[in-house]
């Protein structure tokens, strides 16, 4: 199934020092996943809970994968690498999709480092307008995604 392959590409690319696997940058399968998560709610459940990957993944390992990538790309807006910035936007949109589901939102809320990292985007407010031309129409920008995550998690905006 394509969702298995997309998540597997993200897993494998996350292990590489350049975040690439089989010629794909991590941003590419991530961008496709974001589009699919927005279109169909059940897709999120499948990717988070039921995707068949090697090693096998579950709710916690899949969220941990996205969290670890977010930590690695958190400073992407400070640089000029558009792939890194696109990856960051994609990851924030993944977390926004996850935050709509109460059973997964509780996992996000428990991760203090994740919440702290997400809050830094509100504090910094350094999103560049040029990012708009690189993100898909199915994605929201950094600020919109972060505000959506915090709203869905019922957290105050700092």
Protein backbone atom coordinates (compact mmCIF):
# COMPACT_ATOMS: atom_id res chain seq x y z
CA UNK A 1 0.00 0.00 0.00
CA UNK A 2 1.22 3.49 -0.84
CA UNK A 3 0.84 4.75 2.75
CA UNK A 4 3.18 2.03 3.97
CA UNK A 5 5.73 3.03 1.35
CA UNK A 6 5.46 6.72 2.14
CA UNK A 7 5.94 6.20 5.86
CA UNK A 8 8.79 3.77 5.17
CA UNK A 9 10.52 6.40 3.01
CA UNK A 10 10.19 8.94 5.84
CA UNK A 11 11.57 6.40 8.35
CA UNK A 12 14.50 5.49 6.11
CA UNK A 13 15.29 9.08 5.12
CA UNK A 14 15.23 10.12 8.79
CA UNK A 15 18.09 7.69 9.42
CA UNK A 16 20.31 9.21 6.73
CA UNK A 17 22.73 12.02 7.46
CA UNK A 18 21.29 14.01 4.52
CA UNK A 19 17.68 12.93 5.16
CA UNK A 20 17.49 11.12 1.84
CA UNK A 21 16.59 7.59 0.79
CA UNK A 22 16.41 6.01 -2.65
CA UNK A 23 16.87 9.42 -4.24
CA UNK A 24 14.03 11.00 -2.24
CA UNK A 25 14.47 13.83 0.21
CA UNK A 26 12.44 13.34 3.40
CA UNK A 27 10.34 16.34 2.38
CA UNK A 28 8.94 14.53 -0.66
CA UNK A 29 7.11 11.61 0.98
CA UNK A 30 6.23 13.93 3.86
CA UNK A 31 4.56 16.38 1.46
CA UNK A 32 2.48 13.59 -0.07
CA UNK A 33 1.51 12.32 3.40
CA UNK A 34 0.36 15.79 4.44
CA UNK A 35 -1.88 16.07 1.40
CA UNK A 36 -3.37 12.64 2.08
CA UNK A 37 -3.89 13.36 5.79
CA UNK A 38 -5.86 16.50 4.97
CA UNK A 39 -8.11 14.72 2.47
CA UNK A 40 -9.15 11.71 4.54
CA UNK A 41 -9.24 11.43 8.34
CA UNK A 42 -8.92 7.64 8.27
CA UNK A 43 -5.59 8.01 6.51
CA UNK A 44 -4.12 9.51 9.68
CA UNK A 45 -5.33 6.59 11.75
CA UNK A 46 -3.81 4.14 9.30
CA UNK A 47 -0.45 5.93 9.15
CA UNK A 48 -0.25 6.37 12.92
CA UNK A 49 -1.54 2.97 14.02
CA UNK A 50 -1.57 0.42 11.24
CA UNK A 51 1.14 1.14 8.68
CA UNK A 52 3.32 -1.84 7.92
CA UNK A 53 6.94 -0.73 8.17
CA UNK A 54 10.34 -2.17 8.98
CA UNK A 55 10.95 -2.00 11.83
CA UNK A 56 7.28 -2.26 12.79
CA UNK A 57 5.75 1.04 13.92
CA UNK A 58 3.00 1.90 16.34
CA UNK A 59 1.35 5.08 17.60
CA UNK A 60 4.24 6.06 19.84
CA UNK A 61 7.06 5.24 17.44
CA UNK A 62 5.37 7.04 14.55
CA UNK A 63 4.72 10.17 16.59
CA UNK A 64 8.28 9.92 17.94
CA UNK A 65 9.56 9.78 14.33
CA UNK A 66 7.74 12.99 13.42
CA UNK A 67 8.82 14.61 16.70
CA UNK A 68 12.49 13.79 16.20
CA UNK A 69 12.33 15.19 12.67
CA UNK A 70 10.67 18.36 13.95
CA UNK A 71 13.50 18.83 16.45
CA UNK A 72 16.06 18.38 13.65
CA UNK A 73 14.36 20.87 11.33
CA UNK A 74 13.18 23.39 13.96
CA UNK A 75 15.75 25.98 12.90
CA UNK A 76 15.06 25.67 9.16
CA UNK A 77 13.55 29.15 8.93
CA UNK A 78 16.87 30.65 10.02
CA UNK A 79 18.59 29.28 6.93
CA UNK A 80 18.00 29.42 3.21
CA UNK A 81 17.53 25.73 2.41
CA UNK A 82 14.05 25.52 0.88
CA UNK A 83 13.85 21.72 1.25
CA UNK A 84 14.50 22.03 4.97
CA UNK A 85 11.88 24.77 5.25
CA UNK A 86 9.38 22.71 3.27
CA UNK A 87 10.11 19.75 5.57
CA UNK A 88 9.44 21.92 8.62
CA UNK A 89 6.15 23.18 7.19
CA UNK A 90 5.16 19.61 6.32
CA UNK A 91 5.96 18.34 9.81
CA UNK A 92 3.95 21.10 11.47
CA UNK A 93 1.02 20.23 9.21
CA UNK A 94 1.36 16.56 10.21
CA UNK A 95 1.18 17.56 13.87
CA UNK A 96 -1.80 19.76 13.15
CA UNK A 97 -3.58 16.78 11.58
CA UNK A 98 -2.64 14.62 14.56
CA UNK A 99 -3.89 17.27 17.01
CA UNK A 100 -7.44 17.03 15.63
CA UNK A 101 -7.74 13.47 16.99
CA UNK A 102 -8.26 13.49 20.76
CA UNK A 103 -6.73 10.06 21.33
CA UNK A 104 -3.51 11.18 19.63
CA UNK A 105 -3.62 14.75 20.93
CA UNK A 106 -3.16 13.47 24.47
CA UNK A 107 0.16 11.92 23.40
CA UNK A 108 1.31 15.25 21.98
CA UNK A 109 0.34 17.17 25.11
CA UNK A 110 2.46 14.86 27.28
CA UNK A 111 5.62 15.68 25.32
CA UNK A 112 6.85 18.87 26.99
CA UNK A 113 9.80 19.30 24.63
CA UNK A 114 7.49 19.05 21.62
CA UNK A 115 5.10 21.66 23.02
CA UNK A 116 8.02 23.94 23.89
CA UNK A 117 9.39 23.61 20.35
CA UNK A 118 5.99 24.32 18.80
CA UNK A 119 5.61 27.40 21.01
CA UNK A 120 8.95 28.79 19.83
CA UNK A 121 7.46 29.38 16.39
CA UNK A 122 4.91 31.74 17.91
CA UNK A 123 7.58 33.50 19.95
CA UNK A 124 9.99 33.88 17.03
CA UNK A 125 7.36 34.77 14.43
CA UNK A 126 10.05 34.59 11.74
CA UNK A 127 8.10 32.90 8.97
CA UNK A 128 9.18 34.13 5.58
CA UNK A 129 6.58 35.01 2.97
CA UNK A 130 8.67 33.31 0.30
CA UNK A 131 7.73 29.98 1.87
CA UNK A 132 4.25 30.42 0.46
CA UNK A 133 5.45 29.60 -3.03
CA UNK A 134 7.09 26.37 -1.88
CA UNK A 135 4.32 24.87 0.20
CA UNK A 136 1.44 22.92 -1.26
CA UNK A 137 -2.03 24.41 -1.33
CA UNK A 138 -3.11 21.62 1.02
CA UNK A 139 -0.61 22.88 3.61
CA UNK A 140 -0.91 25.77 5.98
CA UNK A 141 2.02 28.03 6.77
CA UNK A 142 4.08 27.75 9.94
CA UNK A 143 2.07 30.25 11.97
CA UNK A 144 -1.33 28.87 10.92
CA UNK A 145 -0.28 25.29 11.63
CA UNK A 146 1.19 26.17 15.03
CA UNK A 147 -1.87 28.17 16.05
CA UNK A 148 -4.06 25.26 14.92
CA UNK A 149 -2.03 22.76 16.93
CA UNK A 150 -2.15 24.86 20.09
CA UNK A 151 -5.88 25.50 19.64
CA UNK A 152 -6.66 21.80 19.15
CA UNK A 153 -4.57 20.87 22.18
CA UNK A 154 -6.35 23.55 24.25
CA UNK A 155 -3.03 25.16 25.13
CA UNK A 156 -2.53 28.86 25.75
CA UNK A 157 -0.54 30.70 23.13
CA UNK A 158 2.60 32.09 24.69
